[in-house]
């Protein structure tokens, strides 16, 4: 789609967000995508995705995650221990964001999707596994095995050892109700694209590979697509972004 787009800073449900859409249809109902940014990043740093979606004729809304960007209190060390809490809060806030988008008349006939990279990819999988009414999702470099990965990726008390295992498990217990790997049958029945770089040094490529295998076993072969980029690490290349935008345009 050609033509001008508009990008604005706004607040949705009280939280800071970026909003991008084709200028000619900025206030009209459009297929809409909630886009979730990565850990320690911000809505502005990942705003290229909003621009690409708007050029594709979609509306993009990028909410700021708790403890990030405009919502950051300056304590970077504390934030590193709160990855899983922040992830959970993003999922918890989605219904309020959706309600306001719908109240503004921005979402065309319920066509609302979710997309995100890194931590945002985790959010996408958790949201699709938890909520009805989301039409499609794209997870770039995410994981759907929260409880397993929390032992090695940003464990809240530092290294996960025999001495800290019980305390870690108590802190992480609330994730049980959010872990997509425990709801594979539900997740497998929705249009979903998984994209992951084989050389990912932060979120292992095996996370998306095993999630895809589990979704196929649960009947998701007709719903779920999986793209492995053999040259990519934990950075989304243009081609990976483009294939995700094309998937959302097609499925929404």
Protein backbone atom coordinates (compact mmCIF):
# COMPACT_ATOMS: atom_id res chain seq x y z
CA UNK A 1 0.00 0.00 0.00
CA UNK A 2 1.36 3.43 -0.91
CA UNK A 3 0.63 6.83 0.58
CA UNK A 4 1.34 8.79 3.73
CA UNK A 5 1.16 7.32 7.19
CA UNK A 6 0.88 9.06 10.53
CA UNK A 7 2.67 8.05 13.72
CA UNK A 8 1.69 9.62 17.03
CA UNK A 9 2.50 9.30 20.69
CA UNK A 10 -0.67 8.71 22.65
CA UNK A 11 -2.06 7.00 25.72
CA UNK A 12 -4.25 3.91 25.54
CA UNK A 13 -6.08 2.84 28.69
CA UNK A 14 -3.85 5.27 30.57
CA UNK A 15 -0.53 3.85 29.38
CA UNK A 16 1.87 5.45 26.88
CA UNK A 17 1.80 3.99 23.38
CA UNK A 18 2.70 4.69 19.77
CA UNK A 19 -0.05 4.65 17.17
CA UNK A 20 0.54 4.36 13.43
CA UNK A 21 -1.94 4.08 10.56
CA UNK A 22 -2.46 5.23 6.96
CA UNK A 23 -3.07 8.99 7.06
CA UNK A 24 -6.16 8.82 4.86
CA UNK A 25 -7.85 6.36 7.24
CA UNK A 26 -6.29 7.36 10.54
CA UNK A 27 -9.58 7.56 12.46
CA UNK A 28 -11.45 4.88 10.51
CA UNK A 29 -11.86 1.24 11.54
CA UNK A 30 -8.91 -0.85 10.35
CA UNK A 31 -7.46 -4.29 10.98
CA UNK A 32 -5.34 -3.55 14.05
CA UNK A 33 -2.21 -5.06 15.57
CA UNK A 34 -0.96 -4.66 19.12
CA UNK A 35 2.84 -4.76 18.83
CA UNK A 36 4.95 -5.61 21.89
CA UNK A 37 8.57 -4.47 22.15
CA UNK A 38 11.58 -6.32 23.50
CA UNK A 39 13.03 -6.43 27.00
CA UNK A 40 15.02 -3.29 27.98
CA UNK A 41 13.87 -1.67 24.72
CA UNK A 42 10.98 0.73 24.13
CA UNK A 43 8.09 1.43 21.82
CA UNK A 44 10.22 3.94 19.88
CA UNK A 45 13.09 1.51 19.34
CA UNK A 46 10.75 -1.03 17.75
CA UNK A 47 8.60 1.54 15.93
CA UNK A 48 9.89 0.31 12.55
CA UNK A 49 7.32 -2.47 12.89
CA UNK A 50 4.52 0.07 13.31
CA UNK A 51 5.65 1.93 10.21
CA UNK A 52 5.75 -1.27 8.16
CA UNK A 53 2.30 -2.35 9.34
CA UNK A 54 0.82 1.08 8.57
CA UNK A 55 2.31 1.00 5.07
CA UNK A 56 0.60 -2.38 4.66
CA UNK A 57 -2.75 -0.75 5.40
CA UNK A 58 -3.06 -1.87 9.01
CA UNK A 59 -3.28 0.06 12.26
CA UNK A 60 -0.43 -0.58 14.72
CA UNK A 61 -0.50 0.23 18.41
CA UNK A 62 2.72 -0.24 20.41
CA UNK A 63 2.06 -0.17 24.16
CA UNK A 64 4.95 0.62 26.50
CA UNK A 65 5.73 -2.28 28.81
CA UNK A 66 5.93 -1.68 32.55
CA UNK A 67 9.43 -0.52 33.65
CA UNK A 68 10.33 0.50 30.09
CA UNK A 69 10.51 3.76 28.16
CA UNK A 70 8.13 6.32 29.63
CA UNK A 71 7.24 3.83 32.36
CA UNK A 72 10.86 3.23 33.47
CA UNK A 73 11.85 4.36 36.96
CA UNK A 74 15.59 4.28 36.26
CA UNK A 75 16.43 1.11 38.21
CA UNK A 76 18.00 -1.06 35.51
CA UNK A 77 19.37 -3.62 37.98
CA UNK A 78 15.94 -4.25 39.49
CA UNK A 79 14.38 -4.54 36.04
CA UNK A 80 16.72 -7.41 35.19
CA UNK A 81 15.15 -9.42 38.02
CA UNK A 82 11.60 -8.62 36.90
CA UNK A 83 11.49 -10.02 33.36
CA UNK A 84 8.76 -12.56 34.12
CA UNK A 85 6.68 -10.12 36.18
CA UNK A 86 6.84 -7.57 33.36
CA UNK A 87 5.88 -10.21 30.80
CA UNK A 88 2.89 -11.20 32.93
CA UNK A 89 1.81 -7.56 33.31
CA UNK A 90 1.83 -7.08 29.52
CA UNK A 91 -0.58 -10.00 29.17
CA UNK A 92 -2.75 -8.71 32.02
CA UNK A 93 -3.02 -5.24 30.46
CA UNK A 94 -4.12 -6.46 27.02
CA UNK A 95 -7.89 -6.66 27.74
CA UNK A 96 -7.92 -3.02 28.85
CA UNK A 97 -6.01 -1.94 25.76
CA UNK A 98 -8.38 -3.91 23.54
CA UNK A 99 -11.44 -2.42 25.21
CA UNK A 100 -10.26 1.12 24.61
CA UNK A 101 -9.26 0.46 20.99
CA UNK A 102 -12.72 -0.92 20.36
CA UNK A 103 -14.38 1.99 22.17
CA UNK A 104 -12.51 4.42 19.90
CA UNK A 105 -13.84 2.59 16.85
CA UNK A 106 -10.36 1.81 15.59
CA UNK A 107 -10.70 -1.98 15.18
CA UNK A 108 -12.50 -3.12 12.05
CA UNK A 109 -15.05 -5.85 12.81
CA UNK A 110 -13.01 -7.36 15.64
CA UNK A 111 -9.94 -7.87 13.45
CA UNK A 112 -7.32 -7.52 16.16
CA UNK A 113 -3.97 -9.30 16.08
CA UNK A 114 -0.83 -9.35 18.20
CA UNK A 115 2.84 -9.27 17.28
CA UNK A 116 6.07 -8.90 19.20
CA UNK A 117 9.75 -9.59 19.24
CA UNK A 118 11.85 -11.16 21.97
CA UNK A 119 9.93 -10.47 25.21
CA UNK A 120 7.12 -9.22 22.97
CA UNK A 121 7.10 -12.59 21.23
CA UNK A 122 6.57 -14.26 24.60
CA UNK A 123 3.65 -11.88 25.21
CA UNK A 124 2.06 -12.83 21.89
CA UNK A 125 2.09 -16.52 22.73
CA UNK A 126 0.77 -15.94 26.24
CA UNK A 127 -2.03 -13.69 25.00
CA UNK A 128 -3.16 -16.08 22.27
CA UNK A 129 -3.17 -18.96 24.75
CA UNK A 130 -5.16 -16.96 27.30
CA UNK A 131 -7.68 -14.75 25.49
CA UNK A 132 -10.49 -15.32 23.01
CA UNK A 133 -11.05 -13.03 20.04
CA UNK A 134 -7.50 -12.39 18.85
CA UNK A 135 -7.46 -13.17 15.14
CA UNK A 136 -3.75 -13.78 14.47
CA UNK A 137 -0.29 -13.52 15.98
CA UNK A 138 3.37 -13.21 15.04
CA UNK A 139 6.05 -14.19 17.54
CA UNK A 140 9.55 -13.16 16.56
CA UNK A 141 12.19 -14.87 18.74
CA UNK A 142 9.75 -15.78 21.51
CA UNK A 143 9.19 -18.78 23.74
CA UNK A 144 6.04 -20.54 24.86
CA UNK A 145 7.71 -22.57 27.62
CA UNK A 146 7.78 -19.97 30.36
CA UNK A 147 8.36 -22.16 33.40
CA UNK A 148 11.15 -24.15 31.77
CA UNK A 149 13.01 -21.15 30.36
CA UNK A 150 12.72 -19.13 33.57
CA UNK A 151 15.38 -21.40 35.07
CA UNK A 152 18.01 -19.98 32.70
CA UNK A 153 16.61 -16.73 31.24
CA UNK A 154 16.45 -13.89 33.78
CA UNK A 155 15.65 -16.03 36.83
CA UNK A 156 14.39 -13.52 39.42
CA UNK A 157 16.89 -14.43 42.16
CA UNK A 158 19.92 -14.76 39.94
CA UNK A 159 21.35 -18.18 39.15
CA UNK A 160 18.84 -21.02 39.49
CA UNK A 161 20.63 -23.52 41.75
CA UNK A 162 19.69 -26.27 44.16
CA UNK A 163 19.93 -23.74 46.97
CA UNK A 164 17.60 -21.23 45.28
CA UNK A 165 15.25 -23.66 43.54
CA UNK A 166 12.47 -23.59 46.12
CA UNK A 167 12.48 -19.79 46.36
CA UNK A 168 12.56 -19.44 42.59
CA UNK A 169 9.67 -21.84 42.13
CA UNK A 170 7.58 -19.93 44.67
CA UNK A 171 8.20 -16.64 42.84
CA UNK A 172 7.49 -18.18 39.44
CA UNK A 173 4.38 -20.13 40.48
CA UNK A 174 2.00 -17.42 39.14
CA UNK A 175 3.36 -18.12 35.65
CA UNK A 176 1.64 -21.51 35.66
CA UNK A 177 -1.64 -19.89 34.68
CA UNK A 178 0.04 -18.05 31.79
CA UNK A 179 2.43 -20.66 30.35
CA UNK A 180 1.41 -21.30 26.70
CA UNK A 181 3.01 -24.76 26.71
CA UNK A 182 0.26 -25.84 29.11
CA UNK A 183 -2.43 -24.73 26.61
CA UNK A 184 -1.12 -26.06 23.33
CA UNK A 185 -4.49 -27.33 22.11
CA UNK A 186 -5.91 -23.81 22.36
CA UNK A 187 -2.84 -22.14 20.83
CA UNK A 188 -2.78 -24.60 17.92
CA UNK A 189 -6.17 -23.45 16.58
CA UNK A 190 -5.21 -19.85 15.73
CA UNK A 191 -3.28 -18.29 12.83
CA UNK A 192 0.23 -17.97 14.21
CA UNK A 193 3.65 -17.33 12.71
CA UNK A 194 6.76 -18.30 14.64
CA UNK A 195 10.03 -16.76 13.42
CA UNK A 196 13.39 -17.46 14.99
CA UNK A 197 17.05 -17.06 14.10
CA UNK A 198 18.99 -20.31 14.37
CA UNK A 199 21.99 -18.45 15.85
CA UNK A 200 19.97 -16.69 18.55
CA UNK A 201 22.29 -16.21 21.53
CA UNK A 202 19.63 -15.02 24.02
CA UNK A 203 16.39 -16.91 23.43
CA UNK A 204 17.45 -20.31 22.09
CA UNK A 205 16.16 -21.26 18.66
CA UNK A 206 15.11 -24.58 20.17
CA UNK A 207 12.32 -22.74 22.03
CA UNK A 208 10.39 -22.02 18.84
CA UNK A 209 11.31 -25.37 17.29
CA UNK A 210 9.89 -27.40 20.16
CA UNK A 211 6.84 -25.17 20.45
CA UNK A 212 6.08 -25.68 16.77
CA UNK A 213 6.51 -29.45 17.13
CA UNK A 214 4.08 -29.45 20.04
CA UNK A 215 1.53 -27.36 18.16
CA UNK A 216 1.69 -29.69 15.17
CA UNK A 217 1.10 -32.66 17.46
CA UNK A 218 -2.00 -30.83 18.73
CA UNK A 219 -3.41 -30.34 15.23
CA UNK A 220 -1.89 -26.97 14.40
CA UNK A 221 -0.31 -27.86 11.06
CA UNK A 222 -2.98 -25.91 9.13
CA UNK A 223 -2.81 -22.89 11.44
CA UNK A 224 0.80 -22.40 12.48
CA UNK A 225 3.77 -21.44 10.30
CA UNK A 226 7.40 -21.69 11.41
CA UNK A 227 10.30 -19.89 9.76
CA UNK A 228 13.88 -20.59 10.82
CA UNK A 229 16.50 -18.12 9.58
CA UNK A 230 19.85 -19.96 9.52
CA UNK A 231 21.89 -16.73 9.46
CA UNK A 232 20.04 -14.68 12.09
CA UNK A 233 20.89 -14.15 15.75
CA UNK A 234 18.80 -12.27 18.33
CA UNK A 235 18.12 -9.41 15.96
CA UNK A 236 15.19 -9.20 13.57
CA UNK A 237 16.35 -8.67 9.98
CA UNK A 238 14.27 -6.82 7.41
CA UNK A 239 13.22 -10.05 5.71
CA UNK A 240 11.94 -11.45 8.99
CA UNK A 241 9.94 -8.31 9.70
CA UNK A 242 8.50 -8.32 6.19
CA UNK A 243 7.29 -11.90 6.36
CA UNK A 244 5.56 -11.17 9.66
CA UNK A 245 3.83 -8.08 8.31
CA UNK A 246 2.71 -10.00 5.23
CA UNK A 247 1.31 -12.77 7.44
CA UNK A 248 -0.72 -10.29 9.49
CA UNK A 249 -2.01 -8.52 6.41
CA UNK A 250 -3.11 -11.85 4.98
CA UNK A 251 -4.72 -13.28 8.11
CA UNK A 252 -6.38 -10.08 9.37
